[in-house]
C-alpha atoms as a PDB file:
ATOM      1  CA  UNK A   1     -13.365  50.123 -54.427  1.00  0.00           C
ATOM      2  CA  UNK A   2     -11.523  51.228 -51.289  1.00  0.00           C
ATOM      3  CA  UNK A   3     -14.840  50.407 -49.400  1.00  0.00           C
ATOM      4  CA  UNK A   4     -14.883  46.698 -50.449  1.00  0.00           C
ATOM      5  CA  UNK A   5     -11.162  46.229 -49.828  1.00  0.00           C
ATOM      6  CA  UNK A   6     -11.932  47.513 -46.197  1.00  0.00           C
ATOM      7  CA  UNK A   7     -14.703  45.434 -45.741  1.00  0.00           C
ATOM      8  CA  UNK A   8     -12.749  42.316 -47.133  1.00  0.00           C
ATOM      9  CA  UNK A   9      -9.825  43.120 -44.792  1.00  0.00           C
ATOM     10  CA  UNK A  10     -12.539  43.381 -41.983  1.00  0.00           C
ATOM     11  CA  UNK A  11     -14.173  40.195 -42.828  1.00  0.00           C
ATOM     12  CA  UNK A  12     -10.650  38.340 -43.394  1.00  0.00           C
ATOM     13  CA  UNK A  13      -9.669  39.530 -39.716  1.00  0.00           C
ATOM     14  CA  UNK A  14     -12.938  38.434 -38.343  1.00  0.00           C
ATOM     15  CA  UNK A  15     -12.651  34.877 -40.122  1.00  0.00           C
ATOM     16  CA  UNK A  16      -9.143  34.700 -38.657  1.00  0.00           C
ATOM     17  CA  UNK A  17     -10.329  35.561 -35.239  1.00  0.00           C
ATOM     18  CA  UNK A  18     -13.122  33.309 -35.280  1.00  0.00           C
ATOM     19  CA  UNK A  19     -10.668  30.423 -36.559  1.00  0.00           C
ATOM     20  CA  UNK A  20      -8.225  31.279 -33.788  1.00  0.00           C
ATOM     21  CA  UNK A  21     -11.305  31.183 -31.283  1.00  0.00           C
ATOM     22  CA  UNK A  22     -12.426  27.973 -32.678  1.00  0.00           C
ATOM     23  CA  UNK A  23      -8.948  26.376 -32.345  1.00  0.00           C
ATOM     24  CA  UNK A  24      -8.656  27.940 -28.682  1.00  0.00           C
ATOM     25  CA  UNK A  25     -12.309  26.443 -27.876  1.00  0.00           C
ATOM     26  CA  UNK A  26     -11.548  23.211 -29.492  1.00  0.00           C
ATOM     27  CA  UNK A  27      -8.269  22.753 -27.426  1.00  0.00           C
ATOM     28  CA  UNK A  28      -9.818  23.950 -24.371  1.00  0.00           C
ATOM     29  CA  UNK A  29     -12.596  21.252 -24.695  1.00  0.00           C
ATOM     30  CA  UNK A  30     -10.218  18.524 -25.562  1.00  0.00           C
ATOM     31  CA  UNK A  31      -8.074  19.674 -22.544  1.00  0.00           C
ATOM     32  CA  UNK A  32     -11.133  19.624 -20.117  1.00  0.00           C
ATOM     33  CA  UNK A  33     -12.302  16.341 -21.076  1.00  0.00           C
ATOM     34  CA  UNK A  34      -8.727  15.011 -20.895  1.00  0.00           C
ATOM     35  CA  UNK A  35      -8.231  16.579 -17.730  1.00  0.00           C
ATOM     36  CA  UNK A  36     -11.432  15.206 -16.449  1.00  0.00           C
ATOM     37  CA  UNK A  37     -10.505  11.863 -17.223  1.00  0.00           C
ATOM     38  CA  UNK A  38      -7.244  12.172 -15.510  1.00  0.00           C
ATOM     39  CA  UNK A  39      -8.298  13.851 -12.633  1.00  0.00           C
ATOM     40  CA  UNK A  40     -10.875  10.999 -11.700  1.00  0.00           C
ATOM     41  CA  UNK A  41      -7.972   8.489 -12.026  1.00  0.00           C
ATOM     42  CA  UNK A  42      -5.476  10.841 -10.176  1.00  0.00           C
ATOM     43  CA  UNK A  43      -7.985  11.681  -7.376  1.00  0.00           C
ATOM     44  CA  UNK A  44      -8.358   7.798  -6.932  1.00  0.00           C
ATOM     45  CA  UNK A  45      -4.603   7.428  -6.621  1.00  0.00           C
ATOM     46  CA  UNK A  46      -4.535  10.479  -4.166  1.00  0.00           C
ATOM     47  CA  UNK A  47      -7.309   9.022  -2.068  1.00  0.00           C
ATOM     48  CA  UNK A  48      -5.470   5.447  -1.952  1.00  0.00           C
ATOM     49  CA  UNK A  49      -2.068   7.249  -1.136  1.00  0.00           C
ATOM     50  CA  UNK A  50      -3.612   9.214   1.842  1.00  0.00           C
ATOM     51  CA  UNK A  51      -4.862   5.892   2.910  1.00  0.00           C
ATOM     52  CA  UNK A  52      -1.545   4.356   3.150  1.00  0.00           C
ATOM     53  CA  UNK A  53       1.171   5.338   5.281  1.00  0.00           C
ATOM     54  CA  UNK A  54       3.761   4.539   2.795  1.00  0.00           C
ATOM     55  CA  UNK A  55       2.554   3.207  -0.625  1.00  0.00           C
ATOM     56  CA  UNK A  56       4.756   1.751  -3.221  1.00  0.00           C
ATOM     57  CA  UNK A  57       4.140   2.127  -6.929  1.00  0.00           C
ATOM     58  CA  UNK A  58       3.416  -1.454  -7.197  1.00  0.00           C
ATOM     59  CA  UNK A  59       0.880  -1.565  -4.178  1.00  0.00           C
ATOM     60  CA  UNK A  60      -0.970   1.244  -5.512  1.00  0.00           C
ATOM     61  CA  UNK A  61      -1.181  -0.270  -8.844  1.00  0.00           C
ATOM     62  CA  UNK A  62      -2.403  -3.597  -7.406  1.00  0.00           C
ATOM     63  CA  UNK A  63      -5.129  -1.709  -5.862  1.00  0.00           C
ATOM     64  CA  UNK A  64      -6.408  -0.751  -9.175  1.00  0.00           C
ATOM     65  CA  UNK A  65      -6.131  -3.890 -10.889  1.00  0.00           C
ATOM     66  CA  UNK A  66      -6.844  -6.584  -8.397  1.00  0.00           C
ATOM     67  CA  UNK A  67     -10.126  -7.397  -6.322  1.00  0.00           C
ATOM     68  CA  UNK A  68      -7.652  -7.511  -3.242  1.00  0.00           C
ATOM     69  CA  UNK A  69      -9.103  -6.282   0.261  1.00  0.00           C
ATOM     70  CA  UNK A  70      -9.133  -2.630   0.934  1.00  0.00           C
ATOM     71  CA  UNK A  71      -6.282  -1.417   2.836  1.00  0.00           C
ATOM     72  CA  UNK A  72      -6.600  -1.876   6.653  1.00  0.00           C
ATOM     73  CA  UNK A  73      -9.394  -4.579   6.220  1.00  0.00           C
ATOM     74  CA  UNK A  74      -8.273  -6.801   8.782  1.00  0.00           C
ATOM     75  CA  UNK A  75     -11.221  -6.615  11.211  1.00  0.00           C
ATOM     76  CA  UNK A  76     -12.328 -10.069  10.863  1.00  0.00           C
ATOM     77  CA  UNK A  77     -11.454 -12.243  13.959  1.00  0.00           C
ATOM     78  CA  UNK A  78      -9.711 -15.004  11.774  1.00  0.00           C
ATOM     79  CA  UNK A  79      -6.937 -12.564  10.810  1.00  0.00           C
ATOM     80  CA  UNK A  80      -6.161 -11.636  14.547  1.00  0.00           C
ATOM     81  CA  UNK A  81      -3.980 -13.574  16.946  1.00  0.00           C
ATOM     82  CA  UNK A  82      -4.637 -12.873  20.698  1.00  0.00           C
ATOM     83  CA  UNK A  83      -1.892 -12.717  23.420  1.00  0.00           C
ATOM     84  CA  UNK A  84      -3.110 -16.390  24.717  1.00  0.00           C
ATOM     85  CA  UNK A  85      -3.008 -17.623  21.134  1.00  0.00           C
ATOM     86  CA  UNK A  86       0.493 -16.265  20.470  1.00  0.00           C
ATOM     87  CA  UNK A  87       1.814 -17.670  23.724  1.00  0.00           C
ATOM     88  CA  UNK A  88       0.661 -21.045  22.794  1.00  0.00           C
ATOM     89  CA  UNK A  89       2.086 -20.911  19.218  1.00  0.00           C
ATOM     90  CA  UNK A  90       5.464 -19.672  20.743  1.00  0.00           C
ATOM     91  CA  UNK A  91       5.329 -22.245  23.321  1.00  0.00           C
ATOM     92  CA  UNK A  92       4.705 -25.084  20.656  1.00  0.00           C
ATOM     93  CA  UNK A  93       7.261 -23.587  18.397  1.00  0.00           C
ATOM     94  CA  UNK A  94       4.646 -23.483  15.667  1.00  0.00           C
ATOM     95  CA  UNK A  95       4.810 -19.838  14.513  1.00  0.00           C
ATOM     96  CA  UNK A  96       6.741 -17.553  12.067  1.00  0.00           C
ATOM     97  CA  UNK A  97       6.684 -14.284  13.787  1.00  0.00           C
ATOM     98  CA  UNK A  98       7.682 -10.921  12.027  1.00  0.00           C
ATOM     99  CA  UNK A  99       8.374  -7.792  13.891  1.00  0.00           C
ATOM    100  CA  UNK A 100       7.547  -5.015  11.228  1.00  0.00           C
ATOM    101  CA  UNK A 101       8.837  -2.205  13.675  1.00  0.00           C
ATOM    102  CA  UNK A 102      11.972  -0.140  13.125  1.00  0.00           C
ATOM    103  CA  UNK A 103      15.271  -1.748  13.941  1.00  0.00           C
ATOM    104  CA  UNK A 104      15.673   0.480  17.201  1.00  0.00           C
ATOM    105  CA  UNK A 105      12.426  -0.396  18.442  1.00  0.00           C
ATOM    106  CA  UNK A 106      13.145  -3.988  17.840  1.00  0.00           C
ATOM    107  CA  UNK A 107      16.642  -3.781  19.630  1.00  0.00           C
ATOM    108  CA  UNK A 108      14.844  -2.065  22.415  1.00  0.00           C
ATOM    109  CA  UNK A 109      12.652  -5.058  23.205  1.00  0.00           C
ATOM    110  CA  UNK A 110      11.211  -7.837  21.438  1.00  0.00           C
ATOM    111  CA  UNK A 111       9.024 -10.873  21.593  1.00  0.00           C
ATOM    112  CA  UNK A 112      10.872 -14.107  21.542  1.00  0.00           C
ATOM    113  CA  UNK A 113      12.004 -15.531  18.054  1.00  0.00           C
ATOM    114  CA  UNK A 114      10.447 -12.729  16.347  1.00  0.00           C
ATOM    115  CA  UNK A 115      12.341 -11.657  12.960  1.00  0.00           C
ATOM    116  CA  UNK A 116      12.633  -8.019  12.415  1.00  0.00           C
ATOM    117  CA  UNK A 117      11.519  -7.092   8.833  1.00  0.00           C
ATOM    118  CA  UNK A 118      10.676  -3.289   9.065  1.00  0.00           C
ATOM    119  CA  UNK A 119       7.332  -2.422   7.514  1.00  0.00           C
ATOM    120  CA  UNK A 120       9.173  -0.448   4.591  1.00  0.00           C
ATOM    121  CA  UNK A 121      11.131  -3.514   3.601  1.00  0.00           C
ATOM    122  CA  UNK A 122       8.338  -5.994   3.810  1.00  0.00           C
ATOM    123  CA  UNK A 123       6.972  -6.362   0.472  1.00  0.00           C
ATOM    124  CA  UNK A 124      10.543  -6.700  -1.211  1.00  0.00           C
ATOM    125  CA  UNK A 125      11.512  -9.062   1.599  1.00  0.00           C
ATOM    126  CA  UNK A 126       8.553 -11.414   0.878  1.00  0.00           C
ATOM    127  CA  UNK A 127       9.240 -11.623  -2.912  1.00  0.00           C
ATOM    128  CA  UNK A 128      12.886 -12.929  -2.040  1.00  0.00           C
ATOM    129  CA  UNK A 129      14.018 -16.330  -3.271  1.00  0.00           C
ATOM    130  CA  UNK A 130      13.871 -19.053  -0.404  1.00  0.00           C
ATOM    131  CA  UNK A 131      17.714 -18.873  -0.346  1.00  0.00           C
ATOM    132  CA  UNK A 132      18.251 -15.308  -0.589  1.00  0.00           C
ATOM    133  CA  UNK A 133      15.436 -14.985   2.325  1.00  0.00           C
ATOM    134  CA  UNK A 134      17.130 -17.535   4.563  1.00  0.00           C
ATOM    135  CA  UNK A 135      20.637 -15.782   4.011  1.00  0.00           C
ATOM    136  CA  UNK A 136      19.357 -12.353   4.883  1.00  0.00           C
ATOM    137  CA  UNK A 137      17.040 -13.194   7.615  1.00  0.00           C
ATOM    138  CA  UNK A 138      18.552 -16.463   8.882  1.00  0.00           C
ATOM    139  CA  UNK A 139      15.040 -18.226   8.863  1.00  0.00           C
ATOM    140  CA  UNK A 140      13.228 -20.299   6.462  1.00  0.00           C
ATOM    141  CA  UNK A 141      11.359 -17.975   4.155  1.00  0.00           C
ATOM    142  CA  UNK A 142       7.303 -18.167   4.924  1.00  0.00           C
ATOM    143  CA  UNK A 143       5.138 -20.290   2.274  1.00  0.00           C
ATOM    144  CA  UNK A 144       2.084 -18.712   0.727  1.00  0.00           C
ATOM    145  CA  UNK A 145      -0.085 -21.496   2.148  1.00  0.00           C
ATOM    146  CA  UNK A 146       1.357 -21.348   5.758  1.00  0.00           C
ATOM    147  CA  UNK A 147      -0.989 -20.766   8.471  1.00  0.00           C
ATOM    148  CA  UNK A 148       1.468 -20.030  11.121  1.00  0.00           C
ATOM    149  CA  UNK A 149       2.617 -16.527   9.612  1.00  0.00           C
ATOM    150  CA  UNK A 150       2.304 -13.822  12.318  1.00  0.00           C
ATOM    151  CA  UNK A 151       3.045  -9.968  11.952  1.00  0.00           C
ATOM    152  CA  UNK A 152       3.179  -7.818  14.911  1.00  0.00           C
ATOM    153  CA  UNK A 153       4.190  -4.127  15.653  1.00  0.00           C
ATOM    154  CA  UNK A 154       4.001  -1.637  18.868  1.00  0.00           C
ATOM    155  CA  UNK A 155       0.200  -1.490  18.810  1.00  0.00           C
ATOM    156  CA  UNK A 156      -1.478  -3.320  15.709  1.00  0.00           C
ATOM    157  CA  UNK A 157      -1.388  -0.567  12.942  1.00  0.00           C
ATOM    158  CA  UNK A 158       1.790  -1.313  11.155  1.00  0.00           C
ATOM    159  CA  UNK A 159       1.033  -5.033  11.481  1.00  0.00           C
ATOM    160  CA  UNK A 160      -2.299  -4.687   9.987  1.00  0.00           C
ATOM    161  CA  UNK A 161      -0.848  -3.046   6.987  1.00  0.00           C
ATOM    162  CA  UNK A 162       1.851  -5.814   7.092  1.00  0.00           C
ATOM    163  CA  UNK A 163      -1.007  -8.086   6.676  1.00  0.00           C
ATOM    164  CA  UNK A 164      -2.446  -6.507   3.948  1.00  0.00           C
ATOM    165  CA  UNK A 165       0.810  -6.357   1.947  1.00  0.00           C
ATOM    166  CA  UNK A 166       1.221 -10.206   2.595  1.00  0.00           C
ATOM    167  CA  UNK A 167      -2.213 -11.252   1.609  1.00  0.00           C
ATOM    168  CA  UNK A 168      -1.988  -8.944  -1.523  1.00  0.00           C
ATOM    169  CA  UNK A 169       1.428 -11.134  -2.388  1.00  0.00           C
ATOM    170  CA  UNK A 170      -0.569 -14.309  -1.776  1.00  0.00           C
ATOM    171  CA  UNK A 171      -0.221 -15.032   1.785  1.00  0.00           C
ATOM    172  CA  UNK A 172      -3.769 -15.631   2.371  1.00  0.00           C
ATOM    173  CA  UNK A 173      -3.674 -17.302   5.791  1.00  0.00           C
ATOM    174  CA  UNK A 174      -1.187 -14.691   7.281  1.00  0.00           C
ATOM    175  CA  UNK A 175      -2.331 -13.141  10.399  1.00  0.00           C
ATOM    176  CA  UNK A 176      -1.460 -10.407  12.840  1.00  0.00           C
ATOM    177  CA  UNK A 177      -1.042  -9.996  16.664  1.00  0.00           C
ATOM    178  CA  UNK A 178      -3.146  -6.802  17.054  1.00  0.00           C
ATOM    179  CA  UNK A 179      -1.871  -6.169  20.663  1.00  0.00           C
ATOM    180  CA  UNK A 180       1.626  -5.490  19.679  1.00  0.00           C
ATOM    181  CA  UNK A 181       4.682  -5.439  21.655  1.00  0.00           C
ATOM    182  CA  UNK A 182       2.922  -3.038  23.932  1.00  0.00           C
ATOM    183  CA  UNK A 183       0.253  -5.581  25.019  1.00  0.00           C
ATOM    184  CA  UNK A 184       3.143  -8.216  25.109  1.00  0.00           C
ATOM    185  CA  UNK A 185       5.464  -6.327  27.578  1.00  0.00           C
ATOM    186  CA  UNK A 186       2.359  -5.268  29.746  1.00  0.00           C
ATOM    187  CA  UNK A 187       1.195  -9.074  29.988  1.00  0.00           C
ATOM    188  CA  UNK A 188       4.967 -10.268  30.509  1.00  0.00           C
ATOM    189  CA  UNK A 189       5.456  -7.594  33.083  1.00  0.00           C
ATOM    190  CA  UNK A 190       8.321  -6.020  31.148  1.00  0.00           C
END
């Protein structure tokens, strides 16, 4: 009788261990599957974040929910304004020129008629109402169909990012001055 009770106790412990192991393995399997799903999405977000120098939640979300151009995809010549084109646009007063450098860079030297909107503020600035935009920047707000919107920075990197932000917001005809203030100052002998 004592032998049966020891046997039953051993079987009971074994069943308890197997049940615990099954629960652990099931939990591990579910956790592993959930981790794989999340890690793929997380890796996509991390990769996108690493491609951008200052992502906002909204811009990362838009990347995965729209078929907008990839970050930095401004290589087509239609999106680039040359020095001579910029000079012509300025002399014709047919330009909305936005300098996306930091305020200290802007104060140190700027292209005439450029309005300073630092890159980190650009997205929220382009979303302002026409009244608020004019009040903040003392110029008319750009229209989404305007073909005279030009962004510039020091050397073309930040302006390319600005162009992508603007395009994601619907400013499909915006362009950027790839040579930036560096080229401008060199050409103007400053």
